[in-house]
Amino acid sequence: MNRDPDWLARAKAEGRVTEGPPVRLPDPVRADRPSEEGYRAKRKPLAKRYAKPPGPSEDEFSEMVVQFAQLNGWACVHFRAARTGNGWRTPVSADGKGWVDWQFVRERVVYAELKTDKGRLTDEQKAWSDRLKAAGQEVYLWRPESWDEIKRTLGGSP
């Protein structure tokens, strides 16, 4: 707020302010949006938008699982994607596309795909999971709500 009481008079004298009806400029944020009523009608009800708070990201969830596993004596391995000229790629060869995200080794080997609540397995990930299960391996798809199963599988001492 301007504390100078004469600012308006000076602005008029300098020609920076003119008399006349106020000019309504379009709001750039709302210019391409439908009317307020139409905008609100298209939004989901609050109960659907906020029914469940968002869970951790896949990276946050992975960090939680790895910390728990390491506290219980497991060695953990994960191969991270690298940025290339063709986008993000995980350096693998032969049939490695879709290989399981995490391997945990202690007295046995546990393979796990870690996904968010909405994350989905790719066809290649599903194929690897099926191959490993057919070979008698322990393979899991873990999400944040799978924490009890994670504790049963990776908990306890060797």
N, C-alpha and C. Protein backbone atom coordinates (compact mmCIF):
# COMPACT_ATOMS: atom_id res chain seq x y z
N MET A 1 0.85 -1.18 0.00
CA MET A 1 0.00 0.00 0.00
C MET A 1 0.88 1.23 0.00
N ASN A 2 0.51 2.18 -0.82
CA ASN A 2 1.29 3.41 -0.95
C ASN A 2 0.98 4.32 0.23
N ARG A 3 2.01 4.78 0.94
CA ARG A 3 1.81 5.62 2.12
C ARG A 3 1.80 7.11 1.80
N ASP A 4 2.06 7.47 0.56
CA ASP A 4 2.08 8.87 0.15
C ASP A 4 0.66 9.27 -0.22
N PRO A 5 0.01 10.18 0.55
CA PRO A 5 -1.38 10.54 0.27
C PRO A 5 -1.55 11.32 -1.03
N ASP A 6 -0.51 11.91 -1.56
CA ASP A 6 -0.64 12.73 -2.78
C ASP A 6 -0.25 11.98 -4.05
N TRP A 7 -0.02 10.68 -3.97
CA TRP A 7 0.46 9.94 -5.12
C TRP A 7 -0.53 9.97 -6.27
N LEU A 8 -1.86 9.89 -5.97
CA LEU A 8 -2.85 9.88 -7.02
C LEU A 8 -2.91 11.22 -7.75
N ALA A 9 -2.86 12.31 -6.99
CA ALA A 9 -2.89 13.63 -7.61
C ALA A 9 -1.67 13.82 -8.51
N ARG A 10 -0.48 13.44 -8.05
CA ARG A 10 0.72 13.57 -8.86
C ARG A 10 0.65 12.70 -10.11
N ALA A 11 0.12 11.48 -9.99
CA ALA A 11 0.00 10.57 -11.14
C ALA A 11 -0.94 11.14 -12.18
N LYS A 12 -2.04 11.79 -11.73
CA LYS A 12 -2.98 12.41 -12.68
C LYS A 12 -2.33 13.58 -13.38
N ALA A 13 -1.60 14.39 -12.63
CA ALA A 13 -0.94 15.56 -13.20
C ALA A 13 0.12 15.14 -14.23
N GLU A 14 0.78 14.02 -14.00
CA GLU A 14 1.81 13.54 -14.93
C GLU A 14 1.21 12.76 -16.10
N GLY A 15 -0.10 12.54 -16.10
CA GLY A 15 -0.76 11.83 -17.19
C GLY A 15 -0.67 10.32 -17.10
N ARG A 16 -0.25 9.81 -15.95
CA ARG A 16 -0.14 8.36 -15.78
C ARG A 16 -1.47 7.73 -15.40
N VAL A 17 -2.44 8.54 -14.98
CA VAL A 17 -3.76 8.05 -14.60
C VAL A 17 -4.79 8.87 -15.35
N THR A 18 -5.76 8.21 -15.94
CA THR A 18 -6.81 8.92 -16.65
C THR A 18 -8.14 8.64 -15.99
N GLU A 19 -9.08 9.53 -16.20
CA GLU A 19 -10.43 9.35 -15.67
C GLU A 19 -11.22 8.52 -16.68
N GLY A 20 -12.17 7.79 -16.21
CA GLY A 20 -13.02 7.02 -17.11
C GLY A 20 -13.40 5.70 -16.47
N PRO A 21 -14.18 4.92 -17.18
CA PRO A 21 -14.60 3.64 -16.60
C PRO A 21 -13.40 2.71 -16.42
N PRO A 22 -13.45 1.88 -15.40
CA PRO A 22 -12.34 0.95 -15.20
C PRO A 22 -12.26 -0.05 -16.37
N VAL A 23 -11.07 -0.40 -16.71
CA VAL A 23 -10.84 -1.35 -17.80
C VAL A 23 -10.62 -2.72 -17.19
N ARG A 24 -11.37 -3.69 -17.68
CA ARG A 24 -11.21 -5.06 -17.16
C ARG A 24 -10.35 -5.85 -18.15
N LEU A 25 -9.19 -6.23 -17.68
CA LEU A 25 -8.28 -7.00 -18.51
C LEU A 25 -8.57 -8.49 -18.31
N PRO A 26 -8.40 -9.30 -19.35
CA PRO A 26 -8.63 -10.75 -19.16
C PRO A 26 -7.58 -11.33 -18.23
N ASP A 27 -8.01 -12.26 -17.43
CA ASP A 27 -7.11 -12.95 -16.52
C ASP A 27 -6.38 -14.01 -17.33
N PRO A 28 -5.05 -13.90 -17.51
CA PRO A 28 -4.34 -14.85 -18.38
C PRO A 28 -4.42 -16.28 -17.88
N VAL A 29 -4.57 -16.48 -16.58
CA VAL A 29 -4.63 -17.83 -16.04
C VAL A 29 -5.93 -18.50 -16.43
N ARG A 30 -7.01 -17.73 -16.49
CA ARG A 30 -8.32 -18.30 -16.73
C ARG A 30 -8.79 -18.14 -18.17
N ALA A 31 -7.99 -17.53 -19.03
CA ALA A 31 -8.43 -17.21 -20.38
C ALA A 31 -8.85 -18.46 -21.16
N ASP A 32 -8.13 -19.55 -21.03
CA ASP A 32 -8.43 -20.75 -21.80
C ASP A 32 -9.31 -21.73 -21.06
N ARG A 33 -9.72 -21.38 -19.86
CA ARG A 33 -10.48 -22.29 -19.03
C ARG A 33 -11.96 -21.96 -19.12
N PRO A 34 -12.84 -22.94 -19.00
CA PRO A 34 -14.27 -22.63 -19.02
C PRO A 34 -14.66 -21.78 -17.82
N SER A 35 -15.88 -21.35 -17.81
CA SER A 35 -16.36 -20.53 -16.70
C SER A 35 -16.13 -21.27 -15.38
N GLU A 36 -16.18 -20.52 -14.30
CA GLU A 36 -15.94 -21.12 -12.98
C GLU A 36 -16.91 -22.27 -12.71
N GLU A 37 -18.17 -22.10 -13.11
CA GLU A 37 -19.15 -23.15 -12.88
C GLU A 37 -18.81 -24.40 -13.70
N GLY A 38 -18.45 -24.19 -14.98
CA GLY A 38 -18.09 -25.31 -15.83
C GLY A 38 -16.81 -25.98 -15.36
N TYR A 39 -15.87 -25.20 -14.86
CA TYR A 39 -14.62 -25.75 -14.36
C TYR A 39 -14.88 -26.62 -13.15
N ARG A 40 -15.67 -26.12 -12.23
CA ARG A 40 -15.97 -26.90 -11.01
C ARG A 40 -16.76 -28.17 -11.34
N ALA A 41 -17.62 -28.10 -12.35
CA ALA A 41 -18.43 -29.27 -12.69
C ALA A 41 -17.57 -30.40 -13.22
N LYS A 42 -16.43 -30.08 -13.85
CA LYS A 42 -15.57 -31.10 -14.43
C LYS A 42 -14.62 -31.73 -13.42
N ARG A 43 -14.47 -31.11 -12.27
CA ARG A 43 -13.53 -31.66 -11.27
C ARG A 43 -14.17 -32.81 -10.51
N LYS A 44 -13.33 -33.73 -10.05
CA LYS A 44 -13.81 -34.84 -9.24
C LYS A 44 -14.23 -34.32 -7.88
N PRO A 45 -15.19 -34.97 -7.24
CA PRO A 45 -15.55 -34.56 -5.88
C PRO A 45 -14.36 -34.72 -4.94
N LEU A 46 -14.32 -33.92 -3.90
CA LEU A 46 -13.21 -33.96 -2.95
C LEU A 46 -13.00 -35.36 -2.38
N ALA A 47 -14.08 -36.06 -2.11
CA ALA A 47 -13.94 -37.39 -1.51
C ALA A 47 -13.15 -38.33 -2.42
N LYS A 48 -13.30 -38.19 -3.73
CA LYS A 48 -12.56 -39.05 -4.65
C LYS A 48 -11.13 -38.58 -4.83
N ARG A 49 -10.92 -37.25 -4.84
CA ARG A 49 -9.58 -36.73 -5.04
C ARG A 49 -8.70 -36.97 -3.82
N TYR A 50 -9.26 -36.96 -2.64
CA TYR A 50 -8.47 -37.05 -1.42
C TYR A 50 -8.88 -38.23 -0.55
N ALA A 51 -9.44 -39.26 -1.17
CA ALA A 51 -9.89 -40.40 -0.39
C ALA A 51 -8.73 -41.09 0.33
N LYS A 52 -7.58 -41.14 -0.31
CA LYS A 52 -6.42 -41.81 0.28
C LYS A 52 -5.21 -40.92 0.05
N PRO A 53 -4.46 -40.61 1.09
CA PRO A 53 -3.29 -39.76 0.87
C PRO A 53 -2.28 -40.48 -0.02
N PRO A 54 -1.55 -39.73 -0.83
CA PRO A 54 -0.58 -40.38 -1.71
C PRO A 54 0.50 -41.09 -0.90
N GLY A 55 0.90 -42.25 -1.39
CA GLY A 55 1.93 -43.01 -0.71
C GLY A 55 3.32 -42.54 -1.13
N PRO A 56 4.33 -43.25 -0.69
CA PRO A 56 5.70 -42.85 -1.06
C PRO A 56 5.96 -43.10 -2.54
N SER A 57 6.93 -42.38 -3.08
CA SER A 57 7.34 -42.62 -4.46
C SER A 57 8.06 -43.97 -4.50
N GLU A 58 8.33 -44.47 -5.70
CA GLU A 58 9.03 -45.75 -5.81
C GLU A 58 10.43 -45.66 -5.21
N ASP A 59 11.10 -44.53 -5.40
CA ASP A 59 12.44 -44.36 -4.81
C ASP A 59 12.37 -44.34 -3.28
N GLU A 60 11.40 -43.63 -2.73
CA GLU A 60 11.25 -43.58 -1.26
C GLU A 60 10.92 -44.95 -0.71
N PHE A 61 10.01 -45.65 -1.39
CA PHE A 61 9.63 -46.99 -0.95
C PHE A 61 10.82 -47.94 -1.03
N SER A 62 11.59 -47.86 -2.11
CA SER A 62 12.78 -48.70 -2.25
C SER A 62 13.76 -48.45 -1.11
N GLU A 63 13.96 -47.18 -0.78
CA GLU A 63 14.88 -46.84 0.31
C GLU A 63 14.41 -47.44 1.64
N MET A 64 13.10 -47.41 1.89
CA MET A 64 12.56 -47.99 3.12
C MET A 64 12.83 -49.50 3.17
N VAL A 65 12.56 -50.19 2.06
CA VAL A 65 12.74 -51.64 2.01
C VAL A 65 14.22 -52.00 2.17
N VAL A 66 15.09 -51.27 1.48
CA VAL A 66 16.53 -51.56 1.55
C VAL A 66 17.05 -51.34 2.97
N GLN A 67 16.66 -50.26 3.59
CA GLN A 67 17.11 -50.01 4.98
C GLN A 67 16.65 -51.14 5.90
N PHE A 68 15.40 -51.57 5.76
CA PHE A 68 14.89 -52.67 6.58
C PHE A 68 15.68 -53.94 6.32
N ALA A 69 15.92 -54.25 5.03
CA ALA A 69 16.65 -55.47 4.68
C ALA A 69 18.07 -55.44 5.24
N GLN A 70 18.76 -54.32 5.08
CA GLN A 70 20.13 -54.22 5.56
C GLN A 70 20.20 -54.32 7.09
N LEU A 71 19.21 -53.77 7.77
CA LEU A 71 19.18 -53.90 9.24
C LEU A 71 19.04 -55.36 9.66
N ASN A 72 18.48 -56.18 8.76
CA ASN A 72 18.28 -57.60 9.06
C ASN A 72 19.31 -58.49 8.39
N GLY A 73 20.43 -57.91 7.94
CA GLY A 73 21.55 -58.71 7.44
C GLY A 73 21.51 -59.10 5.98
N TRP A 74 20.64 -58.51 5.19
CA TRP A 74 20.56 -58.84 3.77
C TRP A 74 21.51 -57.97 2.97
N ALA A 75 22.13 -58.56 1.95
CA ALA A 75 22.88 -57.79 0.95
C ALA A 75 21.87 -57.47 -0.15
N CYS A 76 21.89 -56.25 -0.63
CA CYS A 76 20.87 -55.80 -1.60
C CYS A 76 21.55 -55.30 -2.87
N VAL A 77 20.94 -55.57 -4.02
CA VAL A 77 21.48 -55.06 -5.27
C VAL A 77 20.35 -54.58 -6.17
N HIS A 78 20.63 -53.46 -6.85
CA HIS A 78 19.68 -52.86 -7.78
C HIS A 78 20.49 -52.19 -8.88
N PHE A 79 20.08 -52.35 -10.11
CA PHE A 79 20.79 -51.73 -11.23
C PHE A 79 19.99 -50.53 -11.70
N ARG A 80 20.60 -49.35 -11.56
CA ARG A 80 19.90 -48.10 -11.89
C ARG A 80 19.99 -47.79 -13.37
N ALA A 81 18.97 -47.12 -13.84
CA ALA A 81 18.96 -46.66 -15.23
C ALA A 81 19.94 -45.50 -15.39
N ALA A 82 20.45 -45.35 -16.60
CA ALA A 82 21.36 -44.25 -16.92
C ALA A 82 20.78 -43.47 -18.08
N ARG A 83 21.04 -42.17 -18.10
CA ARG A 83 20.54 -41.33 -19.17
C ARG A 83 21.45 -41.46 -20.39
N THR A 84 20.86 -41.73 -21.53
CA THR A 84 21.60 -41.85 -22.78
C THR A 84 21.03 -40.87 -23.80
N GLY A 85 21.58 -40.85 -24.97
CA GLY A 85 21.04 -40.01 -26.04
C GLY A 85 19.64 -40.43 -26.45
N ASN A 86 19.27 -41.65 -26.15
CA ASN A 86 17.94 -42.17 -26.49
C ASN A 86 17.02 -42.24 -25.29
N GLY A 87 17.30 -41.46 -24.24
CA GLY A 87 16.47 -41.49 -23.03
C GLY A 87 17.10 -42.34 -21.95
N TRP A 88 16.30 -42.72 -20.97
CA TRP A 88 16.79 -43.51 -19.83
C TRP A 88 16.84 -44.98 -20.21
N ARG A 89 17.98 -45.61 -19.93
CA ARG A 89 18.18 -47.03 -20.23
C ARG A 89 18.93 -47.69 -19.08
N THR A 90 18.58 -48.93 -18.81
CA THR A 90 19.34 -49.72 -17.85
C THR A 90 20.30 -50.57 -18.67
N PRO A 91 21.60 -50.45 -18.40
CA PRO A 91 22.56 -51.19 -19.23
C PRO A 91 22.50 -52.70 -18.99
N VAL A 92 21.84 -53.40 -19.89
CA VAL A 92 21.76 -54.86 -19.83
C VAL A 92 21.99 -55.40 -21.24
N SER A 93 22.30 -56.67 -21.32
CA SER A 93 22.46 -57.28 -22.64
C SER A 93 21.67 -58.58 -22.67
N ALA A 94 21.62 -59.18 -23.83
CA ALA A 94 20.91 -60.44 -24.06
C ALA A 94 19.43 -60.26 -23.69
N ASP A 95 18.93 -61.07 -22.77
CA ASP A 95 17.50 -61.04 -22.42
C ASP A 95 17.23 -60.23 -21.16
N GLY A 96 18.11 -59.30 -20.82
CA GLY A 96 18.01 -58.60 -19.54
C GLY A 96 16.89 -57.59 -19.40
N LYS A 97 16.25 -57.19 -20.50
CA LYS A 97 15.19 -56.20 -20.41
C LYS A 97 14.07 -56.71 -19.50
N GLY A 98 13.69 -55.89 -18.52
CA GLY A 98 12.64 -56.27 -17.59
C GLY A 98 13.12 -57.04 -16.37
N TRP A 99 14.45 -57.19 -16.22
CA TRP A 99 14.99 -57.93 -15.07
C TRP A 99 14.45 -57.34 -13.78
N VAL A 100 14.31 -58.18 -12.78
CA VAL A 100 13.71 -57.81 -11.49
C VAL A 100 14.48 -56.65 -10.86
N ASP A 101 13.74 -55.69 -10.28
CA ASP A 101 14.34 -54.49 -9.69
C ASP A 101 15.38 -54.78 -8.62
N TRP A 102 15.03 -55.61 -7.68
CA TRP A 102 15.89 -55.81 -6.50
C TRP A 102 16.15 -57.28 -6.25
N GLN A 103 17.38 -57.56 -5.80
CA GLN A 103 17.75 -58.90 -5.34
C GLN A 103 18.29 -58.74 -3.92
N PHE A 104 17.82 -59.61 -3.03
CA PHE A 104 18.24 -59.60 -1.63
C PHE A 104 18.86 -60.96 -1.33
N VAL A 105 20.07 -60.96 -0.77
CA VAL A 105 20.78 -62.22 -0.54
C VAL A 105 21.18 -62.32 0.92
N ARG A 106 20.85 -63.44 1.53
CA ARG A 106 21.28 -63.78 2.88
C ARG A 106 21.47 -65.29 2.89
N GLU A 107 20.62 -66.07 3.53
CA GLU A 107 20.71 -67.53 3.45
C GLU A 107 20.00 -68.05 2.21
N ARG A 108 19.31 -67.17 1.51
CA ARG A 108 18.63 -67.49 0.26
C ARG A 108 18.59 -66.21 -0.58
N VAL A 109 18.12 -66.34 -1.80
CA VAL A 109 18.00 -65.16 -2.68
C VAL A 109 16.52 -64.84 -2.84
N VAL A 110 16.18 -63.56 -2.65
CA VAL A 110 14.81 -63.08 -2.82
C VAL A 110 14.83 -62.03 -3.93
N TYR A 111 13.94 -62.20 -4.90
CA TYR A 111 13.79 -61.24 -5.99
C TYR A 111 12.52 -60.44 -5.75
N ALA A 112 12.59 -59.12 -5.94
CA ALA A 112 11.40 -58.31 -5.69
C ALA A 112 11.30 -57.15 -6.67
N GLU A 113 10.09 -56.95 -7.17
CA GLU A 113 9.73 -55.75 -7.92
C GLU A 113 9.06 -54.83 -6.91
N LEU A 114 9.52 -53.60 -6.83
CA LEU A 114 8.92 -52.63 -5.92
C LEU A 114 8.17 -51.60 -6.75
N LYS A 115 6.89 -51.43 -6.46
CA LYS A 115 6.04 -50.52 -7.21
C LYS A 115 5.24 -49.65 -6.26
N THR A 116 4.84 -48.48 -6.75
CA THR A 116 3.93 -47.63 -5.99
C THR A 116 2.53 -48.26 -6.05
N ASP A 117 1.58 -47.63 -5.39
CA ASP A 117 0.21 -48.14 -5.40
C ASP A 117 -0.33 -48.25 -6.82
N LYS A 118 0.07 -47.33 -7.70
CA LYS A 118 -0.46 -47.32 -9.06
C LYS A 118 0.50 -47.92 -10.09
N GLY A 119 1.73 -48.25 -9.68
CA GLY A 119 2.72 -48.77 -10.61
C GLY A 119 2.32 -50.12 -11.17
N ARG A 120 2.66 -50.37 -12.42
CA ARG A 120 2.31 -51.63 -13.08
C ARG A 120 3.57 -52.29 -13.63
N LEU A 121 3.52 -53.63 -13.65
CA LEU A 121 4.61 -54.40 -14.25
C LEU A 121 4.55 -54.28 -15.76
N THR A 122 5.72 -54.17 -16.38
CA THR A 122 5.76 -54.23 -17.85
C THR A 122 5.63 -55.70 -18.25
N ASP A 123 5.39 -55.94 -19.52
CA ASP A 123 5.30 -57.32 -20.00
C ASP A 123 6.62 -58.06 -19.76
N GLU A 124 7.74 -57.35 -19.96
CA GLU A 124 9.05 -57.97 -19.74
C GLU A 124 9.27 -58.32 -18.27
N GLN A 125 8.85 -57.43 -17.36
CA GLN A 125 8.99 -57.72 -15.92
C GLN A 125 8.14 -58.92 -15.53
N LYS A 126 6.93 -59.00 -16.06
CA LYS A 126 6.05 -60.13 -15.77
C LYS A 126 6.68 -61.42 -16.28
N ALA A 127 7.26 -61.38 -17.47
CA ALA A 127 7.89 -62.58 -18.04
C ALA A 127 9.05 -63.05 -17.16
N TRP A 128 9.90 -62.11 -16.69
CA TRP A 128 11.01 -62.50 -15.82
C TRP A 128 10.49 -63.07 -14.50
N SER A 129 9.48 -62.47 -13.94
CA SER A 129 8.90 -62.97 -12.70
C SER A 129 8.41 -64.41 -12.89
N ASP A 130 7.71 -64.66 -14.01
CA ASP A 130 7.22 -66.01 -14.30
C ASP A 130 8.36 -67.00 -14.49
N ARG A 131 9.42 -66.59 -15.19
CA ARG A 131 10.57 -67.48 -15.41
C ARG A 131 11.23 -67.86 -14.09
N LEU A 132 11.42 -66.86 -13.23
CA LEU A 132 12.08 -67.12 -11.95
C LEU A 132 11.23 -68.02 -11.05
N LYS A 133 9.93 -67.78 -11.03
CA LYS A 133 9.04 -68.64 -10.24
C LYS A 133 9.06 -70.07 -10.77
N ALA A 134 9.07 -70.23 -12.10
CA ALA A 134 9.13 -71.57 -12.70
C ALA A 134 10.43 -72.28 -12.34
N ALA A 135 11.49 -71.50 -12.07
CA ALA A 135 12.78 -72.08 -11.68
C ALA A 135 12.86 -72.29 -10.17
N GLY A 136 11.75 -72.09 -9.46
CA GLY A 136 11.71 -72.35 -8.02
C GLY A 136 12.24 -71.20 -7.16
N GLN A 137 12.34 -70.02 -7.72
CA GLN A 137 12.87 -68.88 -6.97
C GLN A 137 11.75 -68.13 -6.23
N GLU A 138 12.15 -67.41 -5.19
CA GLU A 138 11.22 -66.57 -4.42
C GLU A 138 11.13 -65.22 -5.11
N VAL A 139 9.96 -64.90 -5.65
CA VAL A 139 9.78 -63.65 -6.39
C VAL A 139 8.54 -62.95 -5.84
N TYR A 140 8.67 -61.64 -5.60
CA TYR A 140 7.57 -60.88 -5.03
C TYR A 140 7.33 -59.60 -5.81
N LEU A 141 6.09 -59.14 -5.79
CA LEU A 141 5.73 -57.80 -6.22
C LEU A 141 5.27 -57.10 -4.95
N TRP A 142 6.06 -56.13 -4.50
CA TRP A 142 5.76 -55.44 -3.25
C TRP A 142 5.34 -54.00 -3.52
N ARG A 143 4.31 -53.59 -2.82
CA ARG A 143 3.81 -52.22 -2.84
C ARG A 143 3.83 -51.72 -1.39
N PRO A 144 3.67 -50.43 -1.17
CA PRO A 144 3.69 -49.94 0.22
C PRO A 144 2.73 -50.69 1.15
N GLU A 145 1.58 -51.12 0.64
CA GLU A 145 0.63 -51.84 1.51
C GLU A 145 1.07 -53.29 1.78
N SER A 146 2.17 -53.73 1.17
CA SER A 146 2.69 -55.09 1.38
C SER A 146 3.66 -55.15 2.55
N TRP A 147 3.69 -54.13 3.38
CA TRP A 147 4.74 -54.04 4.41
C TRP A 147 4.76 -55.25 5.34
N ASP A 148 3.61 -55.82 5.69
CA ASP A 148 3.60 -57.00 6.56
C ASP A 148 4.31 -58.18 5.89
N GLU A 149 4.06 -58.37 4.59
CA GLU A 149 4.74 -59.44 3.85
C GLU A 149 6.24 -59.18 3.75
N ILE A 150 6.62 -57.92 3.57
CA ILE A 150 8.03 -57.55 3.50
C ILE A 150 8.71 -57.89 4.82
N LYS A 151 8.06 -57.54 5.93
CA LYS A 151 8.64 -57.84 7.25
C LYS A 151 8.78 -59.34 7.48
N ARG A 152 7.77 -60.12 7.05
CA ARG A 152 7.86 -61.58 7.20
C ARG A 152 8.99 -62.15 6.36
N THR A 153 9.15 -61.62 5.13
CA THR A 153 10.14 -62.17 4.20
C THR A 153 11.56 -61.75 4.56
N LEU A 154 11.76 -60.48 4.87
CA LEU A 154 13.12 -59.97 5.10
C LEU A 154 13.44 -59.74 6.57
N GLY A 155 12.49 -60.00 7.43
CA GLY A 155 12.72 -59.77 8.86
C GLY A 155 13.49 -60.89 9.52
N GLY A 156 13.80 -60.68 10.77
CA GLY A 156 14.51 -61.71 11.55
C GLY A 156 15.97 -61.78 11.22
N SER A 157 16.70 -62.50 12.03
CA SER A 157 18.14 -62.65 11.81
C SER A 157 18.41 -63.94 11.07
N PRO A 158 19.56 -64.04 10.42
CA PRO A 158 19.88 -65.24 9.63
C PRO A 158 19.99 -66.49 10.47
